[in-house]
Amino acid sequence: MKTVPQTKHQIMKTKHLTHAVLLISMAALTPAALAQNDTVTKTVITEKVIAQPGSLTTVIAGGASFSTLTKALKAAGLDATLGQKDEFTVFAPTDEAFGKLPAETLTKLMLPENKEKLRMLLLYHVVAGRVLAADLISGDVKTVNGEKLKVDVSTNKIEVNGEKVYSADVIATNGVMHSIGKVLVPKSLDGFVGLDQ
């Protein structure tokens, strides 16, 4: 009679051990499963921020004079913003405009630790909504970075912060681009090395 309880006890003990091993195995697998889920989620999110064909991002990237602006938009993470459906007006500095900055200034702006400064600089060139040259009027215009640009409109020219717009109304599916020959510097970046030149 003593043999039966021992067998029951041994069976119970074996069941408990098997259960414990299964729990440990499941716990060990969970981080891997979670990591896989994270990867899938990140991939889906990345796919969502691809610039739409004909958007401001693709129009700027396709322009022969805007390779520096294209790189800067990417470095600041704004290529996705300007590549979607929200409408914007961009006063786009050309490669020549960026070339007027000291080389070390541009290099410094492109560093990951200065991403927010680069965003502030670039967003100072962006106005919410689609504003064609014919719709521009003299006065202050609020930019997406929260600061204001001074627009002067006369019969033969348009100026933004004293800089002439020389190629206006380049149309995109989500806005319009006007080319300018100088990088406009917001007051919030006064004192950043080389931007005051």
Protein backbone atom coordinates (compact mmCIF):
# COMPACT_ATOMS: atom_id res chain seq x y z
CA MET A 1 0.00 0.00 0.00
CA LYS A 2 2.93 2.31 0.59
CA THR A 3 4.01 1.96 -3.05
CA VAL A 4 0.87 3.60 -4.45
CA PRO A 5 1.17 6.89 -2.53
CA GLN A 6 4.85 7.11 -3.51
CA THR A 7 3.99 6.62 -7.16
CA LYS A 8 1.25 9.26 -6.90
CA HIS A 9 3.72 11.58 -5.21
CA GLN A 10 6.33 10.92 -7.86
CA ILE A 11 3.78 11.50 -10.63
CA MET A 12 2.70 14.78 -9.00
CA LYS A 13 6.32 15.85 -8.63
CA THR A 14 7.00 15.03 -12.30
CA LYS A 15 3.93 17.04 -13.37
CA HIS A 16 5.12 20.04 -11.32
CA LEU A 17 8.60 19.81 -12.85
CA THR A 18 7.19 19.53 -16.38
CA HIS A 19 4.94 22.53 -15.73
CA ALA A 20 7.89 24.56 -14.38
CA VAL A 21 10.05 23.69 -17.40
CA LEU A 22 7.26 24.75 -19.77
CA LEU A 23 6.86 28.07 -17.97
CA ILE A 24 10.60 28.74 -18.09
CA SER A 25 10.69 27.85 -21.80
CA MET A 26 7.79 30.19 -22.54
CA ALA A 27 9.42 33.01 -20.58
CA ALA A 28 12.64 32.51 -22.53
CA LEU A 29 10.79 32.65 -25.85
CA THR A 30 8.75 35.75 -25.01
CA PRO A 31 11.54 38.37 -25.53
CA ALA A 32 12.35 36.88 -28.92
CA ALA A 33 8.69 36.96 -29.89
CA LEU A 34 8.40 40.53 -28.67
CA ALA A 35 11.53 41.52 -30.60
CA GLN A 36 10.00 40.05 -33.76
CA ASN A 37 6.80 42.04 -33.17
CA ASP A 38 8.85 45.25 -32.67
CA THR A 39 10.66 44.65 -35.96
CA VAL A 40 7.38 44.18 -37.80
CA THR A 41 5.92 47.33 -36.23
CA LYS A 42 9.00 49.40 -37.11
CA THR A 43 8.93 48.16 -40.69
CA VAL A 44 5.27 49.13 -41.07
CA ILE A 45 5.94 52.60 -39.61
CA THR A 46 8.91 53.12 -41.95
CA GLU A 47 6.80 52.21 -44.95
CA LYS A 48 4.18 54.81 -44.00
CA VAL A 49 6.61 57.76 -44.21
CA ILE A 50 7.71 57.25 -47.82
CA ALA A 51 7.31 60.51 -49.77
CA GLN A 52 4.35 60.54 -52.15
CA PRO A 53 5.13 60.97 -55.87
CA GLY A 54 4.86 64.63 -56.89
CA SER A 55 5.07 65.85 -53.27
CA LEU A 56 7.30 68.73 -52.18
CA THR A 57 9.93 66.24 -51.03
CA THR A 58 10.15 64.55 -54.44
CA VAL A 59 9.97 67.88 -56.34
CA ILE A 60 12.85 69.28 -54.24
CA ALA A 61 14.86 66.05 -54.59
CA GLY A 62 14.29 66.10 -58.36
CA GLY A 63 15.54 69.68 -58.76
CA ALA A 64 19.09 70.10 -60.07
CA SER A 65 19.86 72.92 -57.60
CA PHE A 66 18.53 71.42 -54.36
CA SER A 67 20.79 68.49 -53.41
CA THR A 68 21.96 70.18 -50.19
CA LEU A 69 18.38 71.03 -49.17
CA THR A 70 17.38 67.43 -49.92
CA LYS A 71 20.16 66.08 -47.64
CA ALA A 72 19.28 68.60 -44.92
CA LEU A 73 15.57 67.68 -45.02
CA LYS A 74 16.51 64.00 -44.67
CA ALA A 75 18.92 64.69 -41.79
CA ALA A 76 16.21 66.69 -39.98
CA GLY A 77 13.51 64.07 -40.64
CA LEU A 78 11.43 66.62 -42.57
CA ASP A 79 11.45 64.73 -45.86
CA ALA A 80 8.57 62.64 -44.50
CA THR A 81 6.64 65.75 -43.37
CA LEU A 82 6.91 67.44 -46.77
CA GLY A 83 6.27 64.16 -48.58
CA GLN A 84 2.72 63.55 -47.34
CA LYS A 85 -0.67 65.18 -47.97
CA ASP A 86 -0.46 68.26 -45.71
CA GLU A 87 -0.01 71.40 -47.82
CA PHE A 88 2.98 73.71 -47.41
CA THR A 89 4.76 76.57 -49.14
CA VAL A 90 8.56 76.24 -49.16
CA PHE A 91 10.99 79.11 -49.76
CA ALA A 92 13.73 76.75 -50.92
CA PRO A 93 17.40 77.78 -50.64
CA THR A 94 19.46 76.49 -53.56
CA ASP A 95 22.80 74.69 -53.35
CA GLU A 96 24.42 78.06 -54.10
CA ALA A 97 22.59 79.57 -51.10
CA PHE A 98 23.89 76.82 -48.80
CA GLY A 99 27.34 77.31 -50.38
CA LYS A 100 27.41 80.85 -48.96
CA LEU A 101 27.49 79.37 -45.45
CA PRO A 102 30.88 78.38 -44.06
CA ALA A 103 31.42 74.65 -44.77
CA GLU A 104 31.94 73.86 -41.06
CA THR A 105 28.57 75.46 -40.22
CA LEU A 106 26.67 73.13 -42.54
CA THR A 107 28.68 70.13 -41.31
CA LYS A 108 27.91 71.08 -37.71
CA LEU A 109 24.19 71.52 -38.46
CA MET A 110 24.02 68.03 -39.99
CA LEU A 111 25.32 66.36 -36.80
CA PRO A 112 22.69 64.28 -34.94
CA GLU A 113 23.10 66.38 -31.78
CA ASN A 114 22.07 69.50 -33.76
CA LYS A 115 19.03 67.91 -35.41
CA GLU A 116 16.61 70.24 -33.59
CA LYS A 117 18.59 73.34 -34.69
CA LEU A 118 18.57 72.08 -38.28
CA ARG A 119 14.80 71.50 -38.05
CA MET A 120 14.28 75.04 -36.73
CA LEU A 121 16.38 76.47 -39.58
CA LEU A 122 14.57 74.51 -42.29
CA LEU A 123 11.07 75.07 -40.87
CA TYR A 124 11.80 78.81 -40.97
CA HIS A 125 11.58 78.40 -44.76
CA VAL A 126 8.16 76.69 -44.61
CA VAL A 127 4.69 78.23 -44.36
CA ALA A 128 1.54 76.19 -43.77
CA GLY A 129 -0.80 75.98 -46.76
CA ARG A 130 -0.34 76.53 -50.50
CA VAL A 131 0.59 80.17 -51.20
CA LEU A 132 1.21 81.02 -54.85
CA ALA A 133 3.26 84.10 -55.82
CA ALA A 134 0.05 85.90 -56.87
CA ASP A 135 -1.38 85.32 -53.36
CA LEU A 136 1.63 86.75 -51.49
CA ILE A 137 1.13 90.18 -49.96
CA SER A 138 3.56 92.47 -48.16
CA GLY A 139 3.79 91.88 -44.43
CA ASP A 140 4.82 89.31 -41.87
CA VAL A 141 4.09 85.64 -42.49
CA LYS A 142 4.23 83.04 -39.71
CA THR A 143 6.43 80.07 -40.51
CA VAL A 144 6.05 76.48 -39.32
CA ASN A 145 8.85 77.02 -36.77
CA GLY A 146 6.70 79.72 -35.11
CA GLU A 147 8.80 82.73 -36.17
CA LYS A 148 7.93 85.29 -38.85
CA LEU A 149 9.26 86.08 -42.31
CA LYS A 150 8.97 89.57 -43.78
CA VAL A 151 7.49 89.47 -47.29
CA ASP A 152 7.78 92.46 -49.67
CA VAL A 153 5.77 92.33 -52.88
CA SER A 154 6.13 94.89 -55.67
CA THR A 155 5.10 94.88 -59.33
CA ASN A 156 8.34 93.31 -60.56
CA LYS A 157 9.67 91.29 -57.61
CA ILE A 158 8.96 89.39 -54.42
CA GLU A 159 11.40 89.45 -51.51
CA VAL A 160 11.48 87.35 -48.36
CA ASN A 161 13.58 88.82 -45.53
CA GLY A 162 15.23 91.01 -48.20
CA GLU A 163 16.11 88.02 -50.41
CA LYS A 164 14.64 87.96 -53.92
CA VAL A 165 12.43 85.03 -54.97
CA TYR A 166 13.74 84.21 -58.45
CA SER A 167 11.87 81.03 -59.33
CA ALA A 168 8.29 81.04 -58.08
CA ASP A 169 5.34 78.67 -58.23
CA VAL A 170 7.00 75.28 -58.68
CA ILE A 171 3.86 73.22 -58.06
CA ALA A 172 3.74 69.99 -56.06
CA THR A 173 0.78 67.78 -55.18
CA ASN A 174 0.87 69.08 -51.59
CA GLY A 175 1.98 72.68 -52.03
CA VAL A 176 4.30 75.03 -53.85
CA MET A 177 8.01 75.90 -53.85
CA HIS A 178 9.65 79.28 -54.43
CA SER A 179 13.45 79.35 -54.91
CA ILE A 180 15.67 81.79 -53.02
CA GLY A 181 19.41 82.44 -53.14
CA LYS A 182 20.10 82.71 -49.43
CA VAL A 183 19.58 80.55 -46.34
CA LEU A 184 17.20 82.47 -44.08
CA VAL A 185 18.22 82.42 -40.42
CA PRO A 186 15.59 82.68 -37.65
CA LYS A 187 16.25 84.74 -34.53
CA SER A 188 16.18 81.55 -32.44
CA LEU A 189 19.47 80.50 -34.11
CA ASP A 190 21.31 83.80 -33.59
CA GLY A 191 24.80 83.00 -32.39
CA PHE A 192 24.98 79.53 -33.97
CA VAL A 193 28.47 79.36 -35.51
CA GLY A 194 28.62 80.90 -38.98
CA LEU A 195 24.89 81.41 -39.55
CA ASP A 196 25.19 85.17 -39.08
CA GLN A 197 27.39 85.54 -42.19
